[in-house]
Amino acid sequence: MTPFEILGLPERRDLADDEVRAAWRRIAAATHPDRADGGDPAAFAAAAAAYTALRTASGRGEVLADLRDRTGGRVADGYVPVRAEWPGRLPGLAVRRLRRGRPVLLAARLLAAVAAGAAAVAAVGWQPASVAVITGALTWLVLTGRDDLAAR
């Protein structure tokens, strides 16, 4: 099922954030595991993942683009004839983000982080100081590399 189907929403990018939030709250209230009847933890988890993907206009656009990719671009009147399991879209999103992002800059940042770690190990060996340098380099890579994956 698509995230739109899970939340019972039409497959449109121009949905208001309040519409998505209201659909999420309705389903969360009905399926929450803390309900007296036990709820439905699997349905609640699926609804939570769907809300996470659809809560912003850009997220809805990415989901719709992923659905179009899976159907070969055949989307008529907002209907997508695909029953993709969620979260199976993550590899497609990662590839698309790399294609639209700046992979060369990300590779340069990765090489810089590896070089900093290698230099620290070469200088003092595997001691707490070199581990701290490696941890700092990886943190820097994650914090700055996230922008390189962002769509332009």
N, C-alpha and C. Protein backbone atom coordinates (compact mmCIF):
# COMPACT_ATOMS: atom_id res chain seq x y z
N MET A 1 0.83 -1.19 0.00
CA MET A 1 0.00 0.00 0.00
C MET A 1 0.87 1.25 0.00
N THR A 2 0.38 2.29 -0.61
CA THR A 2 1.11 3.55 -0.63
C THR A 2 0.79 4.33 0.65
N PRO A 3 1.62 5.30 1.01
CA PRO A 3 1.33 6.10 2.21
C PRO A 3 0.00 6.84 2.10
N PHE A 4 -0.36 7.26 0.88
CA PHE A 4 -1.64 7.93 0.69
C PHE A 4 -2.80 6.98 1.04
N GLU A 5 -2.69 5.74 0.59
CA GLU A 5 -3.75 4.75 0.86
C GLU A 5 -3.82 4.42 2.35
N ILE A 6 -2.66 4.34 2.98
CA ILE A 6 -2.63 4.02 4.41
C ILE A 6 -3.37 5.09 5.21
N LEU A 7 -3.17 6.36 4.85
CA LEU A 7 -3.83 7.45 5.58
C LEU A 7 -5.20 7.80 5.01
N GLY A 8 -5.59 7.14 3.91
CA GLY A 8 -6.89 7.41 3.31
C GLY A 8 -6.98 8.76 2.64
N LEU A 9 -5.90 9.19 2.01
CA LEU A 9 -5.84 10.50 1.37
C LEU A 9 -5.74 10.35 -0.14
N PRO A 10 -6.22 11.35 -0.90
CA PRO A 10 -6.03 11.32 -2.36
C PRO A 10 -4.55 11.56 -2.69
N GLU A 11 -4.09 10.99 -3.79
CA GLU A 11 -2.68 11.09 -4.16
C GLU A 11 -2.41 12.40 -4.89
N ARG A 12 -2.28 13.47 -4.10
CA ARG A 12 -2.02 14.81 -4.63
C ARG A 12 -0.93 15.46 -3.79
N ARG A 13 -0.13 16.29 -4.47
CA ARG A 13 0.91 17.01 -3.74
C ARG A 13 0.33 18.23 -3.02
N ASP A 14 -0.76 18.79 -3.53
CA ASP A 14 -1.29 20.03 -2.98
C ASP A 14 -2.20 19.82 -1.77
N LEU A 15 -2.10 18.70 -1.10
CA LEU A 15 -2.84 18.50 0.14
C LEU A 15 -2.33 19.48 1.19
N ALA A 16 -3.22 19.97 2.00
CA ALA A 16 -2.81 20.84 3.10
C ALA A 16 -2.17 19.99 4.20
N ASP A 17 -1.20 20.58 4.88
CA ASP A 17 -0.56 19.87 5.99
C ASP A 17 -1.58 19.48 7.05
N ASP A 18 -2.60 20.33 7.25
CA ASP A 18 -3.63 20.02 8.24
C ASP A 18 -4.45 18.80 7.85
N GLU A 19 -4.68 18.60 6.54
CA GLU A 19 -5.41 17.41 6.09
C GLU A 19 -4.63 16.14 6.42
N VAL A 20 -3.33 16.18 6.17
CA VAL A 20 -2.49 15.02 6.44
C VAL A 20 -2.44 14.76 7.94
N ARG A 21 -2.29 15.81 8.72
CA ARG A 21 -2.23 15.67 10.18
C ARG A 21 -3.54 15.11 10.71
N ALA A 22 -4.67 15.59 10.20
CA ALA A 22 -5.98 15.10 10.67
C ALA A 22 -6.16 13.63 10.34
N ALA A 23 -5.74 13.22 9.14
CA ALA A 23 -5.84 11.80 8.76
C ALA A 23 -4.96 10.95 9.66
N TRP A 24 -3.76 11.44 9.96
CA TRP A 24 -2.84 10.72 10.84
C TRP A 24 -3.45 10.57 12.24
N ARG A 25 -4.00 11.63 12.77
CA ARG A 25 -4.58 11.57 14.11
C ARG A 25 -5.77 10.63 14.17
N ARG A 26 -6.59 10.63 13.12
CA ARG A 26 -7.75 9.74 13.08
C ARG A 26 -7.31 8.28 13.12
N ILE A 27 -6.32 7.94 12.30
CA ILE A 27 -5.87 6.55 12.23
C ILE A 27 -5.07 6.19 13.48
N ALA A 28 -4.26 7.11 13.99
CA ALA A 28 -3.49 6.84 15.20
C ALA A 28 -4.40 6.57 16.39
N ALA A 29 -5.48 7.33 16.49
CA ALA A 29 -6.41 7.12 17.59
C ALA A 29 -7.09 5.76 17.49
N ALA A 30 -7.34 5.31 16.27
CA ALA A 30 -8.03 4.03 16.10
C ALA A 30 -7.11 2.82 16.24
N THR A 31 -5.81 3.00 15.99
CA THR A 31 -4.91 1.84 15.95
C THR A 31 -3.83 1.86 17.02
N HIS A 32 -3.81 2.86 17.90
CA HIS A 32 -2.72 2.98 18.88
C HIS A 32 -2.67 1.77 19.79
N PRO A 33 -1.47 1.23 20.05
CA PRO A 33 -1.34 0.04 20.90
C PRO A 33 -1.78 0.24 22.34
N ASP A 34 -1.86 1.47 22.83
CA ASP A 34 -2.27 1.72 24.21
C ASP A 34 -3.78 1.76 24.40
N ARG A 35 -4.54 1.53 23.33
CA ARG A 35 -6.01 1.50 23.46
C ARG A 35 -6.42 0.33 24.34
N ALA A 36 -7.61 0.43 24.90
CA ALA A 36 -8.12 -0.62 25.80
C ALA A 36 -8.24 -1.95 25.07
N ASP A 37 -8.59 -1.94 23.79
CA ASP A 37 -8.73 -3.20 23.05
C ASP A 37 -7.41 -3.67 22.45
N GLY A 38 -6.31 -3.00 22.76
CA GLY A 38 -5.01 -3.43 22.28
C GLY A 38 -4.58 -2.77 20.98
N GLY A 39 -5.52 -2.18 20.25
CA GLY A 39 -5.18 -1.50 19.00
C GLY A 39 -4.57 -2.45 17.98
N ASP A 40 -3.89 -1.90 17.03
CA ASP A 40 -3.21 -2.69 16.00
C ASP A 40 -1.82 -2.10 15.81
N PRO A 41 -0.81 -2.65 16.51
CA PRO A 41 0.52 -2.07 16.44
C PRO A 41 1.10 -2.00 15.03
N ALA A 42 0.83 -3.00 14.20
CA ALA A 42 1.36 -3.00 12.83
C ALA A 42 0.74 -1.88 12.01
N ALA A 43 -0.58 -1.70 12.14
CA ALA A 43 -1.25 -0.62 11.41
C ALA A 43 -0.79 0.74 11.92
N PHE A 44 -0.57 0.85 13.24
CA PHE A 44 -0.09 2.10 13.81
C PHE A 44 1.30 2.43 13.28
N ALA A 45 2.18 1.44 13.21
CA ALA A 45 3.54 1.67 12.70
C ALA A 45 3.50 2.07 11.22
N ALA A 46 2.64 1.42 10.45
CA ALA A 46 2.52 1.78 9.03
C ALA A 46 1.98 3.20 8.87
N ALA A 47 1.01 3.57 9.70
CA ALA A 47 0.46 4.93 9.63
C ALA A 47 1.50 5.95 10.06
N ALA A 48 2.31 5.63 11.05
CA ALA A 48 3.36 6.55 11.49
C ALA A 48 4.39 6.75 10.38
N ALA A 49 4.77 5.68 9.70
CA ALA A 49 5.73 5.80 8.58
C ALA A 49 5.11 6.61 7.44
N ALA A 50 3.84 6.39 7.16
CA ALA A 50 3.17 7.13 6.10
C ALA A 50 3.08 8.61 6.44
N TYR A 51 2.76 8.93 7.69
CA TYR A 51 2.68 10.34 8.10
C TYR A 51 4.05 11.00 8.01
N THR A 52 5.09 10.28 8.43
CA THR A 52 6.45 10.83 8.34
C THR A 52 6.80 11.18 6.90
N ALA A 53 6.40 10.34 5.97
CA ALA A 53 6.71 10.58 4.56
C ALA A 53 5.87 11.69 3.96
N LEU A 54 4.64 11.87 4.44
CA LEU A 54 3.71 12.80 3.80
C LEU A 54 3.49 14.11 4.55
N ARG A 55 4.14 14.32 5.67
CA ARG A 55 3.80 15.48 6.49
C ARG A 55 4.18 16.82 5.88
N THR A 56 5.09 16.85 4.91
CA THR A 56 5.44 18.11 4.25
C THR A 56 5.12 18.02 2.76
N ALA A 57 4.98 19.18 2.12
CA ALA A 57 4.70 19.21 0.68
C ALA A 57 5.84 18.59 -0.10
N SER A 58 7.08 18.83 0.33
CA SER A 58 8.21 18.23 -0.39
C SER A 58 8.22 16.72 -0.21
N GLY A 59 7.85 16.24 0.96
CA GLY A 59 7.76 14.80 1.18
C GLY A 59 6.69 14.17 0.31
N ARG A 60 5.54 14.84 0.19
CA ARG A 60 4.49 14.32 -0.69
C ARG A 60 4.97 14.30 -2.14
N GLY A 61 5.73 15.32 -2.53
CA GLY A 61 6.26 15.36 -3.89
C GLY A 61 7.23 14.22 -4.14
N GLU A 62 8.08 13.91 -3.15
CA GLU A 62 9.02 12.80 -3.31
C GLU A 62 8.29 11.47 -3.41
N VAL A 63 7.27 11.28 -2.59
CA VAL A 63 6.51 10.03 -2.65
C VAL A 63 5.83 9.89 -4.01
N LEU A 64 5.21 10.97 -4.48
CA LEU A 64 4.57 10.92 -5.80
C LEU A 64 5.59 10.66 -6.91
N ALA A 65 6.77 11.28 -6.82
CA ALA A 65 7.80 11.04 -7.82
C ALA A 65 8.26 9.59 -7.79
N ASP A 66 8.39 9.03 -6.59
CA ASP A 66 8.78 7.63 -6.47
C ASP A 66 7.71 6.72 -7.06
N LEU A 67 6.44 7.04 -6.81
CA LEU A 67 5.36 6.24 -7.37
C LEU A 67 5.33 6.35 -8.90
N ARG A 68 5.61 7.52 -9.42
CA ARG A 68 5.68 7.68 -10.88
C ARG A 68 6.84 6.86 -11.46
N ASP A 69 7.97 6.84 -10.74
CA ASP A 69 9.12 6.04 -11.19
C ASP A 69 8.75 4.57 -11.26
N ARG A 70 8.00 4.10 -10.28
CA ARG A 70 7.63 2.69 -10.24
C ARG A 70 6.63 2.30 -11.32
N THR A 71 5.83 3.27 -11.77
CA THR A 71 4.82 2.96 -12.77
C THR A 71 5.25 3.38 -14.17
N GLY A 72 6.48 3.83 -14.31
CA GLY A 72 6.95 4.27 -15.62
C GLY A 72 6.33 5.58 -16.04
N GLY A 73 5.93 6.42 -15.08
CA GLY A 73 5.36 7.72 -15.39
C GLY A 73 3.88 7.69 -15.69
N ARG A 74 3.24 6.54 -15.56
CA ARG A 74 1.80 6.45 -15.86
C ARG A 74 0.99 6.81 -14.62
N VAL A 75 0.64 8.05 -14.52
CA VAL A 75 -0.22 8.51 -13.44
C VAL A 75 -1.34 9.31 -14.08
N ALA A 76 -2.56 8.85 -13.94
CA ALA A 76 -3.70 9.53 -14.54
C ALA A 76 -4.67 9.95 -13.45
N ASP A 77 -5.00 11.22 -13.42
CA ASP A 77 -5.95 11.77 -12.45
C ASP A 77 -5.55 11.47 -11.01
N GLY A 78 -4.25 11.47 -10.74
CA GLY A 78 -3.79 11.24 -9.38
C GLY A 78 -3.80 9.79 -8.95
N TYR A 79 -4.27 8.88 -9.80
CA TYR A 79 -4.32 7.47 -9.43
C TYR A 79 -3.03 6.77 -9.85
N VAL A 80 -2.44 6.06 -8.96
CA VAL A 80 -1.23 5.31 -9.26
C VAL A 80 -1.54 3.83 -9.11
N PRO A 81 -1.49 3.05 -10.20
CA PRO A 81 -1.85 1.63 -10.12
C PRO A 81 -0.71 0.77 -9.57
N VAL A 82 -0.22 1.09 -8.38
CA VAL A 82 0.90 0.36 -7.79
C VAL A 82 0.54 0.07 -6.34
N ARG A 83 0.86 -1.10 -5.89
CA ARG A 83 0.65 -1.44 -4.49
C ARG A 83 2.01 -1.75 -3.88
N ALA A 84 2.83 -0.72 -3.77
CA ALA A 84 4.18 -0.89 -3.26
C ALA A 84 4.14 -1.01 -1.75
N GLU A 85 4.94 -1.87 -1.21
CA GLU A 85 5.04 -1.99 0.23
C GLU A 85 5.91 -0.86 0.77
N TRP A 86 5.58 -0.40 1.94
CA TRP A 86 6.31 0.68 2.56
C TRP A 86 7.16 0.10 3.66
N PRO A 87 8.40 0.45 3.86
CA PRO A 87 9.22 1.51 3.33
C PRO A 87 10.14 1.07 2.20
N GLY A 88 9.68 0.28 1.26
CA GLY A 88 10.51 -0.16 0.14
C GLY A 88 10.93 0.96 -0.78
N ARG A 89 10.49 2.18 -0.54
CA ARG A 89 10.85 3.30 -1.41
C ARG A 89 12.21 3.90 -1.05
N LEU A 90 12.78 3.55 0.07
CA LEU A 90 14.00 4.19 0.52
C LEU A 90 15.17 4.04 -0.44
N PRO A 91 15.46 2.88 -1.02
CA PRO A 91 16.57 2.82 -1.98
C PRO A 91 16.35 3.73 -3.19
N GLY A 92 15.13 3.79 -3.69
CA GLY A 92 14.84 4.67 -4.82
C GLY A 92 15.05 6.12 -4.47
N LEU A 93 14.66 6.51 -3.26
CA LEU A 93 14.86 7.90 -2.83
C LEU A 93 16.34 8.22 -2.70
N ALA A 94 17.12 7.29 -2.17
CA ALA A 94 18.56 7.55 -2.02
C ALA A 94 19.22 7.74 -3.37
N VAL A 95 18.87 6.90 -4.34
CA VAL A 95 19.45 7.03 -5.67
C VAL A 95 19.04 8.34 -6.30
N ARG A 96 17.77 8.71 -6.18
CA ARG A 96 17.30 9.96 -6.77
C ARG A 96 17.96 11.17 -6.11
N ARG A 97 18.14 11.11 -4.80
CA ARG A 97 18.80 12.23 -4.12
C ARG A 97 20.25 12.36 -4.56
N LEU A 98 20.92 11.24 -4.74
CA LEU A 98 22.31 11.32 -5.23
C LEU A 98 22.35 11.89 -6.63
N ARG A 99 21.39 11.52 -7.46
CA ARG A 99 21.36 12.02 -8.83
C ARG A 99 21.13 13.53 -8.85
N ARG A 100 20.25 14.03 -7.98
CA ARG A 100 19.94 15.45 -7.97
C ARG A 100 20.85 16.24 -7.05
N GLY A 101 21.58 15.58 -6.18
CA GLY A 101 22.45 16.28 -5.24
C GLY A 101 23.81 16.58 -5.85
N ARG A 102 24.80 16.66 -4.99
CA ARG A 102 26.16 16.96 -5.43
C ARG A 102 27.07 15.82 -5.01
N PRO A 103 27.05 14.69 -5.75
CA PRO A 103 27.82 13.52 -5.32
C PRO A 103 29.32 13.74 -5.34
N VAL A 104 29.83 14.61 -6.23
CA VAL A 104 31.28 14.85 -6.28
C VAL A 104 31.73 15.55 -5.00
N LEU A 105 30.97 16.54 -4.55
CA LEU A 105 31.31 17.23 -3.31
C LEU A 105 31.21 16.28 -2.12
N LEU A 106 30.22 15.41 -2.13
CA LEU A 106 30.08 14.44 -1.06
C LEU A 106 31.27 13.49 -1.05
N ALA A 107 31.72 13.05 -2.22
CA ALA A 107 32.89 12.16 -2.30
C ALA A 107 34.14 12.88 -1.79
N ALA A 108 34.28 14.17 -2.11
CA ALA A 108 35.43 14.93 -1.62
C ALA A 108 35.40 15.04 -0.10
N ARG A 109 34.22 15.26 0.47
CA ARG A 109 34.10 15.33 1.92
C ARG A 109 34.43 13.97 2.56
N LEU A 110 33.99 12.89 1.92
CA LEU A 110 34.28 11.56 2.44
C LEU A 110 35.78 11.30 2.43
N LEU A 111 36.45 11.66 1.34
CA LEU A 111 37.91 11.49 1.28
C LEU A 111 38.62 12.34 2.34
N ALA A 112 38.15 13.55 2.58
CA ALA A 112 38.75 14.40 3.61
C ALA A 112 38.60 13.78 4.99
N ALA A 113 37.43 13.21 5.28
CA ALA A 113 37.20 12.58 6.59
C ALA A 113 38.10 11.35 6.75
N VAL A 114 38.22 10.56 5.70
CA VAL A 114 39.08 9.36 5.75
C VAL A 114 40.53 9.78 5.92
N ALA A 115 40.95 10.82 5.22
CA ALA A 115 42.34 11.30 5.34
C ALA A 115 42.62 11.80 6.75
N ALA A 116 41.68 12.52 7.35
CA ALA A 116 41.89 13.02 8.71
C ALA A 116 42.02 11.85 9.69
N GLY A 117 41.18 10.85 9.54
CA GLY A 117 41.28 9.68 10.41
C GLY A 117 42.57 8.92 10.21
N ALA A 118 42.99 8.74 8.96
CA ALA A 118 44.23 8.02 8.67
C ALA A 118 45.43 8.78 9.21
N ALA A 119 45.42 10.10 9.09
CA ALA A 119 46.53 10.91 9.60
C ALA A 119 46.61 10.81 11.12
N ALA A 120 45.48 10.80 11.79
CA ALA A 120 45.48 10.70 13.25
C ALA A 120 46.02 9.35 13.70
N VAL A 121 45.62 8.28 13.02
CA VAL A 121 46.10 6.95 13.38
C VAL A 121 47.59 6.83 13.08
N ALA A 122 48.03 7.39 11.97
CA ALA A 122 49.45 7.33 11.62
C ALA A 122 50.29 8.12 12.61
N ALA A 123 49.76 9.21 13.13
CA ALA A 123 50.53 10.06 14.04
C ALA A 123 50.68 9.46 15.43
N VAL A 124 49.59 8.96 16.00
CA VAL A 124 49.64 8.51 17.40
C VAL A 124 49.20 7.06 17.58
N GLY A 125 48.82 6.39 16.53
CA GLY A 125 48.34 5.01 16.66
C GLY A 125 46.89 5.00 17.11
N TRP A 126 46.42 3.81 17.48
CA TRP A 126 45.02 3.68 17.91
C TRP A 126 44.91 4.03 19.38
N GLN A 127 44.86 5.30 19.66
CA GLN A 127 44.70 5.79 21.02
C GLN A 127 43.42 6.62 21.09
N PRO A 128 42.99 6.97 22.28
CA PRO A 128 41.76 7.76 22.39
C PRO A 128 41.77 9.04 21.56
N ALA A 129 42.92 9.65 21.42
CA ALA A 129 42.99 10.89 20.63
C ALA A 129 42.66 10.62 19.16
N SER A 130 43.18 9.53 18.60
CA SER A 130 42.90 9.25 17.19
C SER A 130 41.45 8.83 17.01
N VAL A 131 40.89 8.11 17.96
CA VAL A 131 39.48 7.74 17.88
C VAL A 131 38.61 9.00 17.94
N ALA A 132 39.02 9.98 18.76
CA ALA A 132 38.27 11.23 18.85
C ALA A 132 38.34 11.99 17.52
N VAL A 133 39.50 11.97 16.86
CA VAL A 133 39.62 12.64 15.57
C VAL A 133 38.73 11.95 14.53
N ILE A 134 38.73 10.62 14.53
CA ILE A 134 37.89 9.88 13.59
C ILE A 134 36.42 10.16 13.85
N THR A 135 36.02 10.17 15.11
CA THR A 135 34.63 10.46 15.46
C THR A 135 34.26 11.88 15.02
N GLY A 136 35.14 12.82 15.25
CA GLY A 136 34.88 14.20 14.82
C GLY A 136 34.78 14.32 13.31
N ALA A 137 35.65 13.59 12.59
CA ALA A 137 35.61 13.64 11.12
C ALA A 137 34.31 13.04 10.59
N LEU A 138 33.86 11.95 11.20
CA LEU A 138 32.60 11.33 10.77
C LEU A 138 31.41 12.23 11.10
N THR A 139 31.45 12.88 12.25
CA THR A 139 30.38 13.81 12.61
C THR A 139 30.33 14.96 11.62
N TRP A 140 31.49 15.51 11.29
CA TRP A 140 31.57 16.58 10.30
C TRP A 140 31.02 16.11 8.96
N LEU A 141 31.36 14.89 8.56
CA LEU A 141 30.88 14.35 7.28
C LEU A 141 29.36 14.24 7.27
N VAL A 142 28.79 13.74 8.36
CA VAL A 142 27.33 13.59 8.42
C VAL A 142 26.64 14.95 8.39
N LEU A 143 27.15 15.89 9.17
CA LEU A 143 26.50 17.19 9.25
C LEU A 143 26.62 18.00 7.97
N THR A 144 27.75 17.92 7.28
CA THR A 144 27.92 18.69 6.05
C THR A 144 27.48 17.91 4.83
N GLY A 145 27.57 16.59 4.87
CA GLY A 145 27.20 15.76 3.72
C GLY A 145 25.70 15.71 3.49
N ARG A 146 24.94 15.98 4.54
CA ARG A 146 23.49 15.97 4.40
C ARG A 146 23.04 17.02 3.39
N ASP A 147 23.71 18.16 3.34
CA ASP A 147 23.38 19.20 2.38
C ASP A 147 23.72 18.77 0.94
N ASP A 148 24.75 17.93 0.79
CA ASP A 148 25.13 17.47 -0.54
C ASP A 148 24.09 16.52 -1.12
N LEU A 149 23.34 15.85 -0.26
CA LEU A 149 22.31 14.94 -0.74
C LEU A 149 20.99 15.63 -1.00
N ALA A 150 20.86 16.86 -0.53
CA ALA A 150 19.60 17.59 -0.70
C ALA A 150 19.38 17.90 -2.18
N ALA A 151 18.13 17.81 -2.58
CA ALA A 151 17.79 18.11 -3.97
C ALA A 151 17.99 19.59 -4.24
N ARG A 152 18.49 19.88 -5.42
CA ARG A 152 18.73 21.28 -5.78
C ARG A 152 17.53 21.87 -6.43
